[in-house]
Protein backbone atom coordinates (compact mmCIF):
# COMPACT_ATOMS: atom_id res chain seq x y z
CA MET A 1 79.49 167.65 -92.80
CA THR A 2 75.75 167.41 -93.29
CA ASP A 3 74.61 164.74 -95.73
CA ARG A 4 72.18 166.51 -98.02
CA LYS A 5 71.34 163.44 -100.10
CA LEU A 6 69.07 161.86 -97.50
CA PRO A 7 65.93 163.96 -98.22
CA HIS A 8 65.97 163.31 -101.97
CA PRO A 9 64.47 159.80 -102.08
CA ILE A 10 61.76 160.92 -99.63
CA SER A 11 60.84 164.04 -101.63
CA ILE A 12 60.68 162.03 -104.83
CA PHE A 13 58.56 159.46 -103.02
CA ARG A 14 56.18 162.17 -101.83
CA GLU A 15 55.88 163.46 -105.39
CA PHE A 16 55.03 159.93 -106.46
CA LEU A 17 52.38 159.66 -103.74
CA ASP A 18 50.79 162.93 -104.79
CA SER A 19 50.69 162.05 -108.48
CA GLU A 20 49.30 158.56 -107.85
CA ALA A 21 46.62 159.85 -105.49
CA SER A 22 45.45 162.47 -107.98
CA GLY A 23 45.65 159.93 -110.79
CA GLY A 24 43.47 157.58 -108.75
CA ILE A 25 40.71 160.15 -108.67
CA VAL A 26 40.96 160.59 -112.46
CA LEU A 27 40.82 156.80 -112.84
CA ILE A 28 37.64 156.63 -110.75
CA VAL A 29 36.03 159.17 -113.08
CA ALA A 30 37.19 157.28 -116.20
CA ALA A 31 35.85 153.95 -114.90
CA ALA A 32 32.51 155.49 -113.96
CA LEU A 33 32.26 157.12 -117.40
CA ALA A 34 32.98 153.77 -119.08
CA LEU A 35 30.15 152.14 -117.14
CA VAL A 36 27.76 154.93 -118.11
CA VAL A 37 28.69 154.75 -121.79
CA ALA A 38 28.51 150.93 -121.88
CA ASN A 39 24.96 151.11 -120.55
CA SER A 40 23.76 153.98 -122.75
CA PRO A 41 22.66 154.34 -126.39
CA LEU A 42 26.37 154.86 -127.18
CA ALA A 43 27.23 151.31 -126.08
CA GLU A 44 27.34 149.81 -129.58
CA SER A 45 29.64 152.56 -130.85
CA TYR A 46 31.83 152.18 -127.75
CA PHE A 47 32.37 148.44 -128.21
CA ASP A 48 32.72 148.71 -132.01
CA ALA A 49 35.43 151.34 -131.64
CA LEU A 50 37.41 149.15 -129.22
CA HIS A 51 37.34 146.23 -131.68
CA ALA A 52 38.19 148.36 -134.73
CA TYR A 53 41.64 147.62 -136.18
CA ALA A 54 44.37 150.22 -136.64
CA GLY A 55 47.16 148.40 -138.45
CA PRO A 56 47.98 144.94 -137.05
CA LEU A 57 46.11 145.40 -133.75
CA SER A 58 42.65 146.45 -132.61
CA LEU A 59 42.30 149.69 -130.67
CA GLN A 60 41.82 147.72 -127.45
CA HIS A 61 44.99 145.73 -128.13
CA TRP A 62 46.96 148.91 -128.82
CA ILE A 63 45.81 150.17 -125.43
CA ASN A 64 46.34 146.91 -123.51
CA ASP A 65 49.58 145.84 -125.22
CA GLY A 66 51.04 149.20 -126.24
CA LEU A 67 50.04 151.93 -123.80
CA MET A 68 50.16 149.51 -120.88
CA ALA A 69 53.77 148.70 -121.76
CA VAL A 70 54.51 152.32 -120.80
CA PHE A 71 52.64 151.76 -117.53
CA PHE A 72 54.78 148.67 -116.87
CA LEU A 73 57.87 150.70 -117.75
CA LEU A 74 56.96 153.13 -114.97
CA VAL A 75 56.24 150.21 -112.62
CA GLY A 76 59.67 148.78 -113.39
CA LEU A 77 61.40 152.12 -112.84
CA GLU A 78 59.65 152.53 -109.48
CA ILE A 79 60.54 149.02 -108.37
CA LYS A 80 64.20 149.50 -109.30
CA ARG A 81 64.47 152.92 -107.67
CA GLU A 82 62.75 151.90 -104.44
CA MET A 83 64.82 148.70 -104.16
CA LEU A 84 68.16 150.43 -104.77
CA ASP A 85 67.72 153.98 -103.53
CA GLY A 86 64.39 154.44 -101.77
CA GLN A 87 61.84 153.18 -99.31
CA LEU A 88 62.63 149.51 -100.05
CA SER A 89 66.42 149.86 -100.02
CA THR A 90 66.95 148.14 -96.65
CA TRP A 91 65.55 144.98 -95.07
CA SER A 92 63.91 146.94 -92.25
CA ARG A 93 61.94 148.95 -94.79
CA ARG A 94 61.07 145.97 -96.97
CA ALA A 95 60.05 143.61 -94.19
CA LEU A 96 56.50 144.67 -93.29
CA PRO A 97 55.23 145.65 -96.77
CA GLY A 98 57.04 142.69 -98.33
CA ILE A 99 55.63 140.10 -95.94
CA ALA A 100 52.17 141.71 -96.08
CA ALA A 101 52.27 141.75 -99.89
CA VAL A 102 53.05 138.03 -100.02
CA GLY A 103 50.13 137.25 -97.72
CA GLY A 104 47.97 139.59 -99.75
CA MET A 105 48.72 137.63 -102.92
CA ILE A 106 48.51 134.06 -101.59
CA VAL A 107 45.25 134.22 -99.60
CA PRO A 108 43.12 135.94 -102.31
CA ALA A 109 44.24 133.30 -104.81
CA LEU A 110 43.26 130.55 -102.35
CA VAL A 111 39.85 132.16 -101.76
CA TYR A 112 39.24 132.36 -105.51
CA VAL A 113 40.30 128.75 -106.09
CA ALA A 114 38.19 127.50 -103.16
CA ILE A 115 35.07 129.14 -104.58
CA ASN A 116 35.79 127.96 -108.15
CA ARG A 117 37.19 124.49 -107.37
CA ALA A 118 34.25 122.83 -109.16
CA ASN A 119 34.47 125.22 -112.13
CA PRO A 120 37.57 124.28 -114.18
CA GLU A 121 36.79 126.91 -116.82
CA ALA A 122 37.26 129.65 -114.23
CA LEU A 123 40.44 128.37 -112.56
CA PRO A 124 42.83 130.23 -114.95
CA GLY A 125 41.65 133.43 -113.26
CA TRP A 126 43.16 132.55 -109.87
CA ALA A 127 45.59 135.49 -110.02
CA ILE A 128 42.93 138.16 -110.68
CA PRO A 129 42.31 139.12 -107.01
CA THR A 130 46.00 139.08 -106.07
CA ALA A 131 46.68 142.61 -107.37
CA THR A 132 46.33 146.00 -105.66
CA ASP A 133 45.62 149.14 -107.67
CA ILE A 134 48.02 151.70 -106.24
CA ALA A 135 46.42 154.70 -107.97
CA PHE A 136 42.89 153.84 -106.85
CA ALA A 137 43.98 153.03 -103.28
CA LEU A 138 46.01 156.21 -102.89
CA GLY A 139 43.14 158.15 -104.45
CA VAL A 140 40.87 156.96 -101.63
CA LEU A 141 43.54 157.77 -99.03
CA SER A 142 43.92 161.28 -100.43
CA LEU A 143 40.23 161.91 -99.77
CA LEU A 144 40.79 161.18 -96.06
CA GLY A 145 43.41 163.91 -95.69
CA ASN A 146 45.43 164.03 -92.47
CA ARG A 147 43.30 161.38 -90.76
CA VAL A 148 45.83 158.87 -92.12
CA PRO A 149 49.48 158.97 -90.98
CA ALA A 150 51.95 159.58 -93.78
CA SER A 151 53.73 156.40 -92.74
CA LEU A 152 50.65 154.39 -93.76
CA LYS A 153 50.66 155.96 -97.20
CA VAL A 154 54.30 154.97 -97.58
CA PHE A 155 53.49 151.46 -96.34
CA LEU A 156 50.58 151.06 -98.78
CA THR A 157 52.68 152.34 -101.67
CA ALA A 158 55.58 150.02 -100.85
CA LEU A 159 53.20 147.07 -100.50
CA ALA A 160 51.57 147.87 -103.85
CA ILE A 161 54.95 148.18 -105.57
CA ILE A 162 55.98 144.74 -104.28
CA ASP A 163 52.53 143.51 -105.30
CA ASP A 164 53.17 144.84 -108.81
CA LEU A 165 56.45 142.94 -108.91
CA GLY A 166 54.57 139.77 -107.97
CA ALA A 167 52.01 140.45 -110.71
CA VAL A 168 54.79 140.86 -113.28
CA VAL A 169 56.26 137.49 -112.27
CA ILE A 170 52.82 135.84 -112.39
CA ILE A 171 52.13 137.21 -115.88
CA ALA A 172 55.53 136.05 -117.13
CA LEU A 173 55.18 132.55 -115.66
CA PHE A 174 51.49 131.74 -116.02
CA TYR A 175 50.02 133.91 -118.79
CA THR A 176 52.53 133.31 -121.56
CA SER A 177 51.85 130.78 -124.31
CA GLY A 178 52.83 129.91 -127.88
CA LEU A 179 56.44 131.04 -127.57
CA SER A 180 58.45 131.83 -130.68
CA LEU A 181 62.07 131.06 -129.84
CA ALA A 182 63.39 133.17 -132.73
CA TRP A 183 61.59 136.34 -131.63
CA LEU A 184 62.41 135.59 -127.99
CA ALA A 185 66.10 135.29 -128.89
CA ALA A 186 65.91 138.64 -130.68
CA ALA A 187 64.38 140.18 -127.54
CA PHE A 188 67.21 138.80 -125.38
CA VAL A 189 69.78 140.26 -127.82
CA VAL A 190 68.19 143.70 -127.38
CA ILE A 191 68.20 143.30 -123.60
CA ALA A 192 71.88 142.33 -123.74
CA VAL A 193 72.65 145.47 -125.75
CA LEU A 194 70.73 147.58 -123.21
CA VAL A 195 72.76 146.04 -120.37
CA VAL A 196 75.99 146.79 -122.25
CA LEU A 197 74.91 150.43 -122.70
CA ASN A 198 74.27 150.62 -118.96
CA ARG A 199 77.65 149.09 -118.11
CA MET A 200 79.41 151.43 -120.55
CA GLY A 201 77.92 154.41 -118.73
CA VAL A 202 75.66 155.62 -121.54
CA LEU A 203 73.40 158.11 -119.78
CA SER A 204 71.44 159.53 -122.70
CA LEU A 205 67.87 158.25 -122.70
CA ALA A 206 67.53 158.23 -126.51
CA PRO A 207 69.24 154.86 -127.22
CA TYR A 208 67.32 153.19 -124.41
CA ILE A 209 63.99 154.43 -125.77
CA VAL A 210 64.80 153.43 -129.37
CA LEU A 211 65.93 149.97 -128.32
CA GLY A 212 62.92 149.76 -125.99
CA VAL A 213 60.56 150.14 -128.96
CA ALA A 214 62.40 147.34 -130.78
CA LEU A 215 62.24 145.22 -127.63
CA TRP A 216 58.47 145.76 -127.40
CA ILE A 217 57.99 144.57 -131.00
CA PHE A 218 60.12 141.46 -130.47
CA VAL A 219 58.40 140.57 -127.20
CA LEU A 220 54.99 141.07 -128.82
CA LYS A 221 55.98 138.68 -131.60
CA SER A 222 57.54 136.15 -129.19
CA GLY A 223 54.34 135.18 -127.40
CA VAL A 224 55.39 136.70 -124.08
CA HIS A 225 53.01 139.48 -123.14
CA ALA A 226 54.33 142.68 -124.71
CA THR A 227 53.94 144.77 -121.56
CA LEU A 228 56.79 142.85 -119.92
CA ALA A 229 59.12 144.62 -122.36
CA GLY A 230 58.47 147.77 -120.32
CA VAL A 231 59.73 146.11 -117.13
CA ALA A 232 62.80 144.67 -118.88
CA LEU A 233 63.67 148.10 -120.30
CA ALA A 234 63.22 149.76 -116.91
CA LEU A 235 65.71 147.45 -115.25
CA THR A 236 68.44 148.52 -117.68
CA VAL A 237 67.96 152.30 -117.34
CA PRO A 238 70.89 153.71 -115.27
CA LEU A 239 70.30 154.94 -111.74
CA ARG A 240 73.22 157.35 -111.63
CA PRO A 241 73.53 161.05 -112.50
CA SER A 242 74.59 162.44 -115.83
CA PRO A 243 77.98 164.21 -115.75
CA GLY A 244 77.85 167.99 -115.96
CA ILE A 245 74.23 168.19 -114.77
CA ALA A 246 74.55 167.54 -111.05
CA LYS A 247 75.98 165.02 -108.67
CA ASP A 248 72.55 164.50 -107.22
CA ILE A 249 70.96 161.09 -107.82
CA GLU A 250 67.81 162.91 -109.01
CA ALA A 251 69.67 163.78 -112.22
CA SER A 252 69.97 160.12 -113.18
CA PRO A 253 68.39 158.85 -116.42
CA LEU A 254 66.03 156.67 -114.39
CA HIS A 255 64.70 159.62 -112.38
CA ARG A 256 64.39 161.82 -115.46
CA LEU A 257 62.39 159.18 -117.31
CA GLU A 258 60.31 158.41 -114.24
CA HIS A 259 59.43 162.07 -113.74
CA ALA A 260 58.48 162.42 -117.41
CA LEU A 261 56.20 159.36 -117.22
CA HIS A 262 54.54 160.60 -114.03
CA ALA A 263 53.05 163.38 -116.12
CA VAL A 264 51.55 160.87 -118.55
CA VAL A 265 50.79 157.51 -116.93
CA PRO A 266 48.44 158.45 -114.04
CA PHE A 267 46.54 161.11 -115.98
CA VAL A 268 46.46 159.73 -119.53
CA ILE A 269 47.44 156.08 -119.94
CA ILE A 270 45.71 154.54 -116.89
CA PRO A 271 42.44 156.50 -117.39
CA ILE A 272 42.41 155.43 -121.07
CA PHE A 273 42.94 151.81 -120.00
CA GLY A 274 40.19 152.14 -117.40
CA PHE A 275 37.78 153.68 -119.88
CA ALA A 276 38.53 151.00 -122.48
CA ASN A 277 38.21 148.05 -120.11
CA ALA A 278 35.80 148.99 -117.31
CA GLY A 279 32.84 149.27 -119.65
CA VAL A 280 30.53 146.32 -119.09
CA SER A 281 26.83 146.04 -119.83
CA LEU A 282 24.85 145.65 -116.63
CA ALA A 283 21.66 144.72 -118.47
CA GLY A 284 20.17 141.67 -116.78
CA VAL A 285 22.81 141.69 -114.04
CA GLY A 286 21.26 141.04 -110.62
CA LEU A 287 22.15 139.62 -107.24
CA SER A 288 22.05 136.11 -108.69
CA ASN A 289 24.88 137.04 -111.06
CA LEU A 290 27.00 138.22 -108.14
CA ALA A 291 26.65 134.75 -106.62
CA GLU A 292 28.13 133.04 -109.68
CA PRO A 293 31.44 131.36 -108.70
CA LEU A 294 33.64 133.40 -111.08
CA THR A 295 32.25 136.78 -110.06
CA LEU A 296 32.01 135.84 -106.39
CA GLY A 297 35.53 134.41 -106.39
CA VAL A 298 36.97 137.65 -107.71
CA ALA A 299 34.97 139.88 -105.34
CA ALA A 300 35.55 137.71 -102.27
CA GLY A 301 39.23 137.33 -103.12
CA LEU A 302 39.65 141.10 -103.28
CA VAL A 303 37.70 141.95 -100.12
CA LEU A 304 38.05 138.96 -97.80
CA GLY A 305 41.26 137.48 -99.24
CA LYS A 306 43.21 140.73 -99.16
CA LEU A 307 41.97 141.60 -95.67
CA VAL A 308 42.88 138.22 -94.18
CA GLY A 309 46.11 137.83 -96.17
CA VAL A 310 47.58 141.26 -95.45
CA MET A 311 46.50 141.33 -91.79
CA ALA A 312 47.65 137.77 -91.00
CA ALA A 313 51.04 138.30 -92.64
CA ALA A 314 51.54 141.71 -91.02
CA ALA A 315 50.55 140.38 -87.58
CA LEU A 316 52.92 137.44 -87.97
CA ALA A 317 55.77 139.78 -88.93
CA VAL A 318 55.15 141.99 -85.89
CA VAL A 319 54.72 139.09 -83.44
CA LEU A 320 57.93 137.47 -84.66
CA LYS A 321 59.65 140.89 -84.35
CA LEU A 322 60.60 140.87 -88.03
CA ALA A 323 59.06 144.31 -88.44
CA ASP A 324 57.24 147.09 -86.58
CA LEU A 325 53.95 148.79 -87.37
CA PRO A 326 54.25 152.00 -89.42
CA ARG A 327 54.93 154.99 -87.17
CA TYR A 328 51.84 156.61 -85.58
CA ALA A 329 49.67 153.75 -86.88
CA ASN A 330 47.69 151.15 -84.93
CA TRP A 331 45.91 147.93 -85.83
CA THR A 332 42.69 149.75 -86.76
CA HIS A 333 44.66 151.69 -89.35
CA MET A 334 46.14 148.42 -90.60
CA VAL A 335 42.67 146.89 -91.05
CA GLY A 336 41.66 149.91 -93.13
CA ILE A 337 44.78 149.67 -95.27
CA ALA A 338 44.33 145.90 -95.71
CA LEU A 339 40.81 146.55 -96.99
CA LEU A 340 42.07 149.22 -99.41
CA CYS A 341 44.50 146.62 -100.76
CA GLY A 342 41.39 144.92 -102.11
CA ILE A 343 41.01 147.67 -104.68
CA GLY A 344 42.41 145.65 -107.56
CA PHE A 345 41.15 147.60 -110.52
CA THR A 346 43.90 148.16 -113.10
CA MET A 347 46.12 145.10 -112.65
CA SER A 348 43.18 142.82 -111.86
CA LEU A 349 41.43 143.86 -115.06
CA PHE A 350 44.65 143.33 -116.96
CA ILE A 351 45.18 139.80 -115.58
CA GLY A 352 41.50 139.00 -116.17
CA LEU A 353 41.84 139.91 -119.85
CA LEU A 354 44.86 137.60 -120.12
CA ALA A 355 43.23 134.74 -118.20
CA PHE A 356 40.07 134.70 -120.31
CA GLU A 357 41.31 136.06 -123.61
CA GLY A 358 38.75 135.36 -126.30
CA SER A 359 35.78 134.90 -123.96
CA GLU A 360 33.83 138.13 -123.55
CA THR A 361 31.30 136.36 -121.36
CA LEU A 362 33.91 135.36 -118.80
CA GLN A 363 35.62 138.74 -119.07
CA SER A 364 32.32 140.48 -118.29
CA ALA A 365 31.83 138.28 -115.21
CA VAL A 366 35.37 139.16 -114.11
CA LYS A 367 34.74 142.89 -114.61
CA VAL A 368 31.59 142.78 -112.50
CA GLY A 369 33.48 140.97 -109.73
CA ILE A 370 36.35 143.47 -109.88
CA LEU A 371 34.03 146.48 -109.84
CA VAL A 372 31.93 145.17 -106.96
CA GLY A 373 34.90 143.90 -104.96
CA SER A 374 36.93 147.07 -105.46
CA LEU A 375 33.97 149.29 -104.56
CA VAL A 376 33.20 147.33 -101.39
CA ALA A 377 36.90 147.30 -100.41
CA ALA A 378 37.16 151.07 -100.97
CA LEU A 379 34.04 151.88 -98.95
CA LEU A 380 34.89 149.55 -96.06
CA GLY A 381 38.52 150.66 -95.99
CA ALA A 382 37.57 154.33 -95.96
CA ALA A 383 34.97 153.72 -93.22
CA VAL A 384 37.46 151.91 -90.97
CA LEU A 385 40.09 154.61 -91.45
CA MET A 386 37.50 157.30 -90.68
CA MET A 387 36.81 155.54 -87.37
CA ALA A 388 40.50 155.17 -86.53
CA PRO A 389 42.00 157.77 -84.17
CA THR A 390 43.56 160.75 -85.92
CA PRO A 391 47.37 160.61 -85.61
CA ALA A 392 48.76 163.03 -83.05
CA VAL A 393 51.42 164.19 -85.43
CA SER A 394 51.17 166.20 -88.62
CA GLU A 395 51.84 164.62 -91.98
CA GLY A 396 54.89 166.81 -92.45
CA GLU A 397 56.32 165.75 -89.08
CA ALA A 398 55.59 162.10 -89.85
CA GLU A 399 57.38 162.39 -93.17
CA ALA A 400 60.36 164.14 -91.68
CA SER A 401 60.67 161.49 -89.02
């Protein structure tokens, strides 16, 4: 009997790739628009609006703590699905992107710390260049069309998902302060209830969403960054089909929620976040500013750190026969992908806001470093991939293989 379940994770994965790539292009436009507005006569209105309060939080906090919790919910759903039922479900599939992701987080942090070792005020930002922006990177890849093997797109996506997992752990461990044990206990009670619902086989999304809102409030009050509530909720959403709908795994609550969020996160939430946080005044910014340790550390970490970290780790994995190169790809392709991993826009901005909360001066220096580093990484990565030999197999054949 033919097993018809095999294509499903791949088709869902391709849908994810397509949505992220298109969303990356929208994010590029949003970030560019933010820069234009922040350096126009509308700048004062732009910044005033972001700092205006709507209830207990400013508009910027609603975006960064509220909307981004939905982004982290999608990240959590993707991590869970890929680990249990997708491209990261076996060791052979996890090995190369997993090892490369680790190298791509460690080396950028070391580059940043080396440049800022004499600047204690800047050291809390060590994690800023460790992140890869999956939407931006896939957006650049989409512009290259069939010059890039489909296997490389899968590799980059898997690496970025593992990278996101690392960023979540970093935020939880290093960017949490002033804990309230009472609110934290309340959050754990909600998580326990969510786990019980999962174990009981509750497949309706409604109770998970309602409890997820309560969880977000409790986590916000606890001192842990509120966006982590999205990841915690995602890990409790069932990955099994609802009875009476279909026996296919695609009918599971996790897939239904993930598909619903794919219509919102790449095209609404991430562009709003980019527009709200990429705006930085470039008045008086010159080459001397780019040489400041904080800005240089971020930019060099993203471009040089990611390139060296990803390539060294990937080469080590291949030499030790722990993994093989992606199919139809060569080392030139890998250099291009390693450079694209230096596009750290969304998560890097997010970590930068946490690292230097309350200091707009330091945040502005971080934003300049992220924008310059991400732009250089995108241009160099695209140039290298343009020079790489075109794969001798079509994208459809590569996917099917």
